[in-house]
Amino acid sequence: MDSITYLVINTITNFIQLYLILIFARILLSWFQTTEWAGNIISFLAPITDPYLNIFRSFIPPLGGIDFSAILAIFVLQLIPQLLNSII
């Protein structure tokens, strides 16, 4: 594998890991919406994470007030680096 391909794959992998952390933070903070500090952080994270999460929310509705679409969204994000590494 040449160095440019490695750099691109490594950059994509690092971005996905950072994005996963943001999604986890968004999900965990959604449990504490009544606190002011959590609401401030959610209002910052929502425009960053919700466009991706909304893709999965469109075909997996919340069941019993629990949003299971985030589980699938996280799973798909974790598959991408593995697929990239297997292709190269």
PDB file of N, CA and C in Angstrom:
ATOM      1  N   MET A   1       0.860  -1.166   0.000  1.00  0.00           N
ATOM      2  CA  MET A   1       0.000   0.000   0.000  1.00  0.00           C
ATOM      3  C   MET A   1       0.908   1.231   0.000  1.00  0.00           C
ATOM      4  N   ASP A   2       0.656   2.143  -0.919  1.00  0.00           N
ATOM      5  CA  ASP A   2       1.501   3.328  -0.966  1.00  0.00           C
ATOM      6  C   ASP A   2       1.137   4.311   0.144  1.00  0.00           C
ATOM      7  N   SER A   3       1.992   5.277   0.346  1.00  0.00           N
ATOM      8  CA  SER A   3       1.847   6.167   1.502  1.00  0.00           C
ATOM      9  C   SER A   3       0.626   7.080   1.396  1.00  0.00           C
ATOM     10  N   ILE A   4       0.242   7.474   0.201  1.00  0.00           N
ATOM     11  CA  ILE A   4      -0.919   8.358   0.045  1.00  0.00           C
ATOM     12  C   ILE A   4      -2.196   7.593   0.389  1.00  0.00           C
ATOM     13  N   THR A   5      -2.303   6.376  -0.069  1.00  0.00           N
ATOM     14  CA  THR A   5      -3.475   5.566   0.250  1.00  0.00           C
ATOM     15  C   THR A   5      -3.560   5.322   1.749  1.00  0.00           C
ATOM     16  N   TYR A   6      -2.426   5.017   2.353  1.00  0.00           N
ATOM     17  CA  TYR A   6      -2.398   4.808   3.796  1.00  0.00           C
ATOM     18  C   TYR A   6      -2.825   6.075   4.535  1.00  0.00           C
ATOM     19  N   LEU A   7      -2.347   7.223   4.098  1.00  0.00           N
ATOM     20  CA  LEU A   7      -2.689   8.490   4.729  1.00  0.00           C
ATOM     21  C   LEU A   7      -4.182   8.781   4.618  1.00  0.00           C
ATOM     22  N   VAL A   8      -4.749   8.532   3.453  1.00  0.00           N
ATOM     23  CA  VAL A   8      -6.184   8.780   3.255  1.00  0.00           C
ATOM     24  C   VAL A   8      -7.019   7.851   4.139  1.00  0.00           C
ATOM     25  N   ILE A   9      -6.692   6.574   4.157  1.00  0.00           N
ATOM     26  CA  ILE A   9      -7.432   5.612   4.975  1.00  0.00           C
ATOM     27  C   ILE A   9      -7.273   5.932   6.454  1.00  0.00           C
ATOM     28  N   ASN A  10      -6.063   6.293   6.869  1.00  0.00           N
ATOM     29  CA  ASN A  10      -5.824   6.646   8.262  1.00  0.00           C
ATOM     30  C   ASN A  10      -6.604   7.901   8.656  1.00  0.00           C
ATOM     31  N   THR A  11      -6.671   8.882   7.771  1.00  0.00           N
ATOM     32  CA  THR A  11      -7.425  10.106   8.041  1.00  0.00           C
ATOM     33  C   THR A  11      -8.912   9.815   8.156  1.00  0.00           C
ATOM     34  N   ILE A  12      -9.448   9.019   7.255  1.00  0.00           N
ATOM     35  CA  ILE A  12     -10.862   8.655   7.304  1.00  0.00           C
ATOM     36  C   ILE A  12     -11.167   7.888   8.580  1.00  0.00           C
ATOM     37  N   THR A  13     -10.299   6.958   8.943  1.00  0.00           N
ATOM     38  CA  THR A  13     -10.489   6.172  10.164  1.00  0.00           C
ATOM     39  C   THR A  13     -10.476   7.066  11.399  1.00  0.00           C
ATOM     40  N   ASN A  14      -9.538   8.002  11.465  1.00  0.00           N
ATOM     41  CA  ASN A  14      -9.478   8.912  12.607  1.00  0.00           C
ATOM     42  C   ASN A  14     -10.708   9.814  12.675  1.00  0.00           C
ATOM     43  N   PHE A  15     -11.175  10.289  11.525  1.00  0.00           N
ATOM     44  CA  PHE A  15     -12.380  11.116  11.495  1.00  0.00           C
ATOM     45  C   PHE A  15     -13.585  10.316  11.990  1.00  0.00           C
ATOM     46  N   ILE A  16     -13.698   9.077  11.558  1.00  0.00           N
ATOM     47  CA  ILE A  16     -14.822   8.237  11.987  1.00  0.00           C
ATOM     48  C   ILE A  16     -14.772   7.997  13.490  1.00  0.00           C
ATOM     49  N   GLN A  17     -13.578   7.763  14.026  1.00  0.00           N
ATOM     50  CA  GLN A  17     -13.460   7.565  15.473  1.00  0.00           C
ATOM     51  C   GLN A  17     -13.879   8.813  16.233  1.00  0.00           C
ATOM     52  N   LEU A  18     -13.479   9.975  15.764  1.00  0.00           N
ATOM     53  CA  LEU A  18     -13.886  11.226  16.399  1.00  0.00           C
ATOM     54  C   LEU A  18     -15.394  11.423  16.294  1.00  0.00           C
ATOM     55  N   TYR A  19     -15.950  11.124  15.133  1.00  0.00           N
ATOM     56  CA  TYR A  19     -17.386  11.270  14.927  1.00  0.00           C
ATOM     57  C   TYR A  19     -18.169  10.298  15.820  1.00  0.00           C
ATOM     58  N   LEU A  20     -17.639   9.102  16.010  1.00  0.00           N
ATOM     59  CA  LEU A  20     -18.279   8.147  16.917  1.00  0.00           C
ATOM     60  C   LEU A  20     -18.304   8.674  18.348  1.00  0.00           C
ATOM     61  N   ILE A  21     -17.244   9.322  18.772  1.00  0.00           N
ATOM     62  CA  ILE A  21     -17.218   9.916  20.104  1.00  0.00           C
ATOM     63  C   ILE A  21     -18.283  10.994  20.225  1.00  0.00           C
ATOM     64  N   LEU A  22     -18.428  11.811  19.190  1.00  0.00           N
ATOM     65  CA  LEU A  22     -19.463  12.856  19.211  1.00  0.00           C
ATOM     66  C   LEU A  22     -20.869  12.251  19.266  1.00  0.00           C
ATOM     67  N   ILE A  23     -21.078  11.164  18.523  1.00  0.00           N
ATOM     68  CA  ILE A  23     -22.388  10.501  18.543  1.00  0.00           C
ATOM     69  C   ILE A  23     -22.662   9.899  19.912  1.00  0.00           C
ATOM     70  N   PHE A  24     -21.668   9.243  20.500  1.00  0.00           N
ATOM     71  CA  PHE A  24     -21.849   8.685  21.843  1.00  0.00           C
ATOM     72  C   PHE A  24     -22.165   9.778  22.849  1.00  0.00           C
ATOM     73  N   ALA A  25     -21.452  10.905  22.758  1.00  0.00           N
ATOM     74  CA  ALA A  25     -21.714  12.020  23.673  1.00  0.00           C
ATOM     75  C   ALA A  25     -23.127  12.539  23.479  1.00  0.00           C
ATOM     76  N   ARG A  26     -23.558  12.658  22.231  1.00  0.00           N
ATOM     77  CA  ARG A  26     -24.915  13.137  21.930  1.00  0.00           C
ATOM     78  C   ARG A  26     -25.959  12.193  22.511  1.00  0.00           C
ATOM     79  N   ILE A  27     -25.747  10.904  22.367  1.00  0.00           N
ATOM     80  CA  ILE A  27     -26.705   9.916  22.867  1.00  0.00           C
ATOM     81  C   ILE A  27     -26.751   9.942  24.397  1.00  0.00           C
ATOM     82  N   LEU A  28     -25.598   9.937  25.020  1.00  0.00           N
ATOM     83  CA  LEU A  28     -25.565   9.935  26.485  1.00  0.00           C
ATOM     84  C   LEU A  28     -26.159  11.219  27.068  1.00  0.00           C
ATOM     85  N   LEU A  29     -25.857  12.347  26.451  1.00  0.00           N
ATOM     86  CA  LEU A  29     -26.381  13.610  26.966  1.00  0.00           C
ATOM     87  C   LEU A  29     -27.885  13.759  26.734  1.00  0.00           C
ATOM     88  N   SER A  30     -28.416  13.022  25.784  1.00  0.00           N
ATOM     89  CA  SER A  30     -29.862  13.103  25.553  1.00  0.00           C
ATOM     90  C   SER A  30     -30.640  12.552  26.748  1.00  0.00           C
ATOM     91  N   TRP A  31     -29.991  11.770  27.592  1.00  0.00           N
ATOM     92  CA  TRP A  31     -30.645  11.262  28.799  1.00  0.00           C
ATOM     93  C   TRP A  31     -30.726  12.340  29.881  1.00  0.00           C
ATOM     94  N   PHE A  32     -29.939  13.402  29.752  1.00  0.00           N
ATOM     95  CA  PHE A  32     -29.883  14.461  30.765  1.00  0.00           C
ATOM     96  C   PHE A  32     -30.351  15.802  30.204  1.00  0.00           C
ATOM     97  N   GLN A  33     -31.359  15.799  29.360  1.00  0.00           N
ATOM     98  CA  GLN A  33     -31.808  17.016  28.697  1.00  0.00           C
ATOM     99  C   GLN A  33     -32.335  18.072  29.657  1.00  0.00           C
ATOM    100  N   THR A  34     -32.727  17.678  30.834  1.00  0.00           N
ATOM    101  CA  THR A  34     -33.313  18.648  31.758  1.00  0.00           C
ATOM    102  C   THR A  34     -32.259  19.539  32.405  1.00  0.00           C
ATOM    103  N   THR A  35     -31.005  19.123  32.404  1.00  0.00           N
ATOM    104  CA  THR A  35     -29.962  19.963  32.978  1.00  0.00           C
ATOM    105  C   THR A  35     -29.494  20.981  31.945  1.00  0.00           C
ATOM    106  N   GLU A  36     -29.190  22.167  32.406  1.00  0.00           N
ATOM    107  CA  GLU A  36     -28.843  23.252  31.489  1.00  0.00           C
ATOM    108  C   GLU A  36     -27.539  22.984  30.741  1.00  0.00           C
ATOM    109  N   TRP A  37     -26.546  22.458  31.451  1.00  0.00           N
ATOM    110  CA  TRP A  37     -25.255  22.235  30.806  1.00  0.00           C
ATOM    111  C   TRP A  37     -25.355  21.182  29.713  1.00  0.00           C
ATOM    112  N   ALA A  38     -26.188  20.165  29.922  1.00  0.00           N
ATOM    113  CA  ALA A  38     -26.348  19.129  28.894  1.00  0.00           C
ATOM    114  C   ALA A  38     -27.074  19.696  27.682  1.00  0.00           C
ATOM    115  N   GLY A  39     -28.055  20.536  27.934  1.00  0.00           N
ATOM    116  CA  GLY A  39     -28.781  21.161  26.824  1.00  0.00           C
ATOM    117  C   GLY A  39     -27.881  22.029  25.969  1.00  0.00           C
ATOM    118  N   ASN A  40     -26.949  22.724  26.606  1.00  0.00           N
ATOM    119  CA  ASN A  40     -26.010  23.556  25.851  1.00  0.00           C
ATOM    120  C   ASN A  40     -25.109  22.701  24.965  1.00  0.00           C
ATOM    121  N   ILE A  41     -24.639  21.597  25.504  1.00  0.00           N
ATOM    122  CA  ILE A  41     -23.760  20.724  24.718  1.00  0.00           C
ATOM    123  C   ILE A  41     -24.551  20.047  23.606  1.00  0.00           C
ATOM    124  N   ILE A  42     -25.780  19.628  23.900  1.00  0.00           N
ATOM    125  CA  ILE A  42     -26.619  19.001  22.871  1.00  0.00           C
ATOM    126  C   ILE A  42     -26.900  19.978  21.747  1.00  0.00           C
ATOM    127  N   SER A  43     -27.159  21.238  22.083  1.00  0.00           N
ATOM    128  CA  SER A  43     -27.429  22.221  21.030  1.00  0.00           C
ATOM    129  C   SER A  43     -26.201  22.441  20.143  1.00  0.00           C
ATOM    130  N   PHE A  44     -25.012  22.173  20.679  1.00  0.00           N
ATOM    131  CA  PHE A  44     -23.798  22.242  19.872  1.00  0.00           C
ATOM    132  C   PHE A  44     -23.629  20.976  19.025  1.00  0.00           C
ATOM    133  N   LEU A  45     -23.891  19.808  19.615  1.00  0.00           N
ATOM    134  CA  LEU A  45     -23.665  18.535  18.931  1.00  0.00           C
ATOM    135  C   LEU A  45     -24.765  18.171  17.928  1.00  0.00           C
ATOM    136  N   ALA A  46     -25.981  18.605  18.176  1.00  0.00           N
ATOM    137  CA  ALA A  46     -27.108  18.190  17.327  1.00  0.00           C
ATOM    138  C   ALA A  46     -26.907  18.530  15.852  1.00  0.00           C
ATOM    139  N   PRO A  47     -26.478  19.746  15.496  1.00  0.00           N
ATOM    140  CA  PRO A  47     -26.288  20.013  14.059  1.00  0.00           C
ATOM    141  C   PRO A  47     -25.174  19.191  13.424  1.00  0.00           C
ATOM    142  N   ILE A  48     -24.266  18.686  14.249  1.00  0.00           N
ATOM    143  CA  ILE A  48     -23.151  17.891  13.726  1.00  0.00           C
ATOM    144  C   ILE A  48     -23.555  16.424  13.557  1.00  0.00           C
ATOM    145  N   THR A  49     -24.283  15.882  14.529  1.00  0.00           N
ATOM    146  CA  THR A  49     -24.576  14.446  14.523  1.00  0.00           C
ATOM    147  C   THR A  49     -25.953  14.096  13.964  1.00  0.00           C
ATOM    148  N   ASP A  50     -26.915  14.966  14.116  1.00  0.00           N
ATOM    149  CA  ASP A  50     -28.280  14.629  13.707  1.00  0.00           C
ATOM    150  C   ASP A  50     -28.459  14.373  12.207  1.00  0.00           C
ATOM    151  N   PRO A  51     -27.760  15.073  11.311  1.00  0.00           N
ATOM    152  CA  PRO A  51     -27.948  14.721   9.889  1.00  0.00           C
ATOM    153  C   PRO A  51     -27.624  13.263   9.591  1.00  0.00           C
ATOM    154  N   TYR A  52     -26.574  12.738  10.195  1.00  0.00           N
ATOM    155  CA  TYR A  52     -26.242  11.330   9.982  1.00  0.00           C
ATOM    156  C   TYR A  52     -27.241  10.419  10.685  1.00  0.00           C
ATOM    157  N   LEU A  53     -27.588  10.740  11.921  1.00  0.00           N
ATOM    158  CA  LEU A  53     -28.536   9.907  12.666  1.00  0.00           C
ATOM    159  C   LEU A  53     -29.924   9.929  12.034  1.00  0.00           C
ATOM    160  N   ASN A  54     -30.310  11.042  11.424  1.00  0.00           N
ATOM    161  CA  ASN A  54     -31.637  11.141  10.800  1.00  0.00           C
ATOM    162  C   ASN A  54     -31.798  10.188   9.620  1.00  0.00           C
ATOM    163  N   ILE A  55     -30.682   9.827   8.993  1.00  0.00           N
ATOM    164  CA  ILE A  55     -30.754   8.846   7.897  1.00  0.00           C
ATOM    165  C   ILE A  55     -31.349   7.543   8.425  1.00  0.00           C
ATOM    166  N   PHE A  56     -30.915   7.125   9.595  1.00  0.00           N
ATOM    167  CA  PHE A  56     -31.376   5.864  10.173  1.00  0.00           C
ATOM    168  C   PHE A  56     -32.720   6.034  10.889  1.00  0.00           C
ATOM    169  N   ARG A  57     -32.980   7.222  11.406  1.00  0.00           N
ATOM    170  CA  ARG A  57     -34.264   7.482  12.066  1.00  0.00           C
ATOM    171  C   ARG A  57     -35.416   7.465  11.067  1.00  0.00           C
ATOM    172  N   SER A  58     -35.110   7.713   9.793  1.00  0.00           N
ATOM    173  CA  SER A  58     -36.168   7.762   8.794  1.00  0.00           C
ATOM    174  C   SER A  58     -36.793   6.393   8.550  1.00  0.00           C
ATOM    175  N   PHE A  59     -36.057   5.302   8.790  1.00  0.00           N
ATOM    176  CA  PHE A  59     -36.653   3.981   8.581  1.00  0.00           C
ATOM    177  C   PHE A  59     -36.655   3.095   9.825  1.00  0.00           C
ATOM    178  N   ILE A  60     -36.137   3.605  10.954  1.00  0.00           N
ATOM    179  CA  ILE A  60     -36.242   2.875  12.218  1.00  0.00           C
ATOM    180  C   ILE A  60     -36.867   3.827  13.245  1.00  0.00           C
ATOM    181  N   PRO A  61     -38.168   3.727  13.439  1.00  0.00           N
ATOM    182  CA  PRO A  61     -38.814   4.645  14.386  1.00  0.00           C
ATOM    183  C   PRO A  61     -38.476   4.292  15.827  1.00  0.00           C
ATOM    184  N   PRO A  62     -38.552   5.269  16.736  1.00  0.00           N
ATOM    185  CA  PRO A  62     -38.320   4.972  18.156  1.00  0.00           C
ATOM    186  C   PRO A  62     -39.367   3.983  18.674  1.00  0.00           C
ATOM    187  N   LEU A  63     -38.915   3.039  19.459  1.00  0.00           N
ATOM    188  CA  LEU A  63     -39.815   2.049  20.037  1.00  0.00           C
ATOM    189  C   LEU A  63     -39.840   2.246  21.548  1.00  0.00           C
ATOM    190  N   GLY A  64     -40.994   2.562  22.076  1.00  0.00           N
ATOM    191  CA  GLY A  64     -41.121   2.776  23.510  1.00  0.00           C
ATOM    192  C   GLY A  64     -40.311   3.950  24.006  1.00  0.00           C
ATOM    193  N   GLY A  65     -40.118   4.948  23.171  1.00  0.00           N
ATOM    194  CA  GLY A  65     -39.352   6.122  23.561  1.00  0.00           C
ATOM    195  C   GLY A  65     -37.849   5.946  23.455  1.00  0.00           C
ATOM    196  N   ILE A  66     -37.399   4.799  22.972  1.00  0.00           N
ATOM    197  CA  ILE A  66     -35.959   4.543  22.831  1.00  0.00           C
ATOM    198  C   ILE A  66     -35.597   4.563  21.349  1.00  0.00           C
ATOM    199  N   ASP A  67     -34.563   5.316  21.026  1.00  0.00           N
ATOM    200  CA  ASP A  67     -34.125   5.468  19.641  1.00  0.00           C
ATOM    201  C   ASP A  67     -33.087   4.399  19.312  1.00  0.00           C
ATOM    202  N   PHE A  68     -33.524   3.317  18.683  1.00  0.00           N
ATOM    203  CA  PHE A  68     -32.629   2.229  18.320  1.00  0.00           C
ATOM    204  C   PHE A  68     -31.868   2.504  17.022  1.00  0.00           C
ATOM    205  N   SER A  69     -32.244   3.549  16.316  1.00  0.00           N
ATOM    206  CA  SER A  69     -31.558   3.859  15.063  1.00  0.00           C
ATOM    207  C   SER A  69     -30.101   4.228  15.307  1.00  0.00           C
ATOM    208  N   ALA A  70     -29.788   4.761  16.472  1.00  0.00           N
ATOM    209  CA  ALA A  70     -28.406   5.128  16.772  1.00  0.00           C
ATOM    210  C   ALA A  70     -27.505   3.901  16.832  1.00  0.00           C
ATOM    211  N   ILE A  71     -28.042   2.778  17.262  1.00  0.00           N
ATOM    212  CA  ILE A  71     -27.250   1.549  17.317  1.00  0.00           C
ATOM    213  C   ILE A  71     -26.815   1.139  15.914  1.00  0.00           C
ATOM    214  N   LEU A  72     -27.748   1.180  14.977  1.00  0.00           N
ATOM    215  CA  LEU A  72     -27.417   0.843  13.594  1.00  0.00           C
ATOM    216  C   LEU A  72     -26.461   1.867  12.996  1.00  0.00           C
ATOM    217  N   ALA A  73     -26.657   3.134  13.308  1.00  0.00           N
ATOM    218  CA  ALA A  73     -25.779   4.184  12.797  1.00  0.00           C
ATOM    219  C   ALA A  73     -24.349   3.979  13.280  1.00  0.00           C
ATOM    220  N   ILE A  74     -24.185   3.623  14.535  1.00  0.00           N
ATOM    221  CA  ILE A  74     -22.856   3.372  15.093  1.00  0.00           C
ATOM    222  C   ILE A  74     -22.247   2.126  14.457  1.00  0.00           C
ATOM    223  N   PHE A  75     -23.037   1.096  14.283  1.00  0.00           N
ATOM    224  CA  PHE A  75     -22.559  -0.142  13.667  1.00  0.00           C
ATOM    225  C   PHE A  75     -22.043   0.120  12.252  1.00  0.00           C
ATOM    226  N   VAL A  76     -22.782   0.899  11.478  1.00  0.00           N
ATOM    227  CA  VAL A  76     -22.366   1.201  10.107  1.00  0.00           C
ATOM    228  C   VAL A  76     -21.064   1.995  10.109  1.00  0.00           C
ATOM    229  N   LEU A  77     -20.953   2.963  11.015  1.00  0.00           N
ATOM    230  CA  LEU A  77     -19.717   3.743  11.094  1.00  0.00           C
ATOM    231  C   LEU A  77     -18.522   2.876  11.471  1.00  0.00           C
ATOM    232  N   GLN A  78     -18.731   1.883  12.300  1.00  0.00           N
ATOM    233  CA  GLN A  78     -17.638   1.003  12.692  1.00  0.00           C
ATOM    234  C   GLN A  78     -17.240   0.045  11.567  1.00  0.00           C
ATOM    235  N   LEU A  79     -18.144  -0.225  10.655  1.00  0.00           N
ATOM    236  CA  LEU A  79     -17.832  -1.109   9.529  1.00  0.00           C
ATOM    237  C   LEU A  79     -16.990  -0.443   8.453  1.00  0.00           C
ATOM    238  N   ILE A  80     -17.125   0.848   8.287  1.00  0.00           N
ATOM    239  CA  ILE A  80     -16.453   1.550   7.201  1.00  0.00           C
ATOM    240  C   ILE A  80     -14.935   1.372   7.235  1.00  0.00           C
ATOM    241  N   PRO A  81     -14.252   1.625   8.369  1.00  0.00           N
ATOM    242  CA  PRO A  81     -12.793   1.413   8.359  1.00  0.00           C
ATOM    243  C   PRO A  81     -12.401  -0.043   8.067  1.00  0.00           C
ATOM    244  N   GLN A  82     -13.196  -0.980   8.557  1.00  0.00           N
ATOM    245  CA  GLN A  82     -12.888  -2.389   8.285  1.00  0.00           C
ATOM    246  C   GLN A  82     -13.016  -2.688   6.798  1.00  0.00           C
ATOM    247  N   LEU A  83     -14.044  -2.138   6.160  1.00  0.00           N
ATOM    248  CA  LEU A  83     -14.215  -2.336   4.717  1.00  0.00           C
ATOM    249  C   LEU A  83     -13.084  -1.690   3.929  1.00  0.00           C
ATOM    250  N   LEU A  84     -12.684  -0.499   4.337  1.00  0.00           N
ATOM    251  CA  LEU A  84     -11.584   0.167   3.641  1.00  0.00           C
ATOM    252  C   LEU A  84     -10.285  -0.624   3.754  1.00  0.00           C
ATOM    253  N   ASN A  85     -10.024  -1.137   4.929  1.00  0.00           N
ATOM    254  CA  ASN A  85      -8.804  -1.922   5.114  1.00  0.00           C
ATOM    255  C   ASN A  85      -8.842  -3.240   4.348  1.00  0.00           C
ATOM    256  N   SER A  86     -10.020  -3.845   4.235  1.00  0.00           N
ATOM    257  CA  SER A  86     -10.112  -5.107   3.506  1.00  0.00           C
ATOM    258  C   SER A  86     -10.009  -4.895   1.992  1.00  0.00           C
ATOM    259  N   ILE A  87     -10.452  -3.762   1.504  1.00  0.00           N
ATOM    260  CA  ILE A  87     -10.367  -3.474   0.065  1.00  0.00           C
ATOM    261  C   ILE A  87      -8.916  -3.237  -0.340  1.00  0.00           C
ATOM    262  N   ILE A  88      -8.207  -2.548   0.494  1.00  0.00           N
ATOM    263  CA  ILE A  88      -6.811  -2.214   0.178  1.00  0.00           C
ATOM    264  C   ILE A  88      -5.926  -3.323   0.629  1.00  0.00           C
TER     265      ILE A  88
END
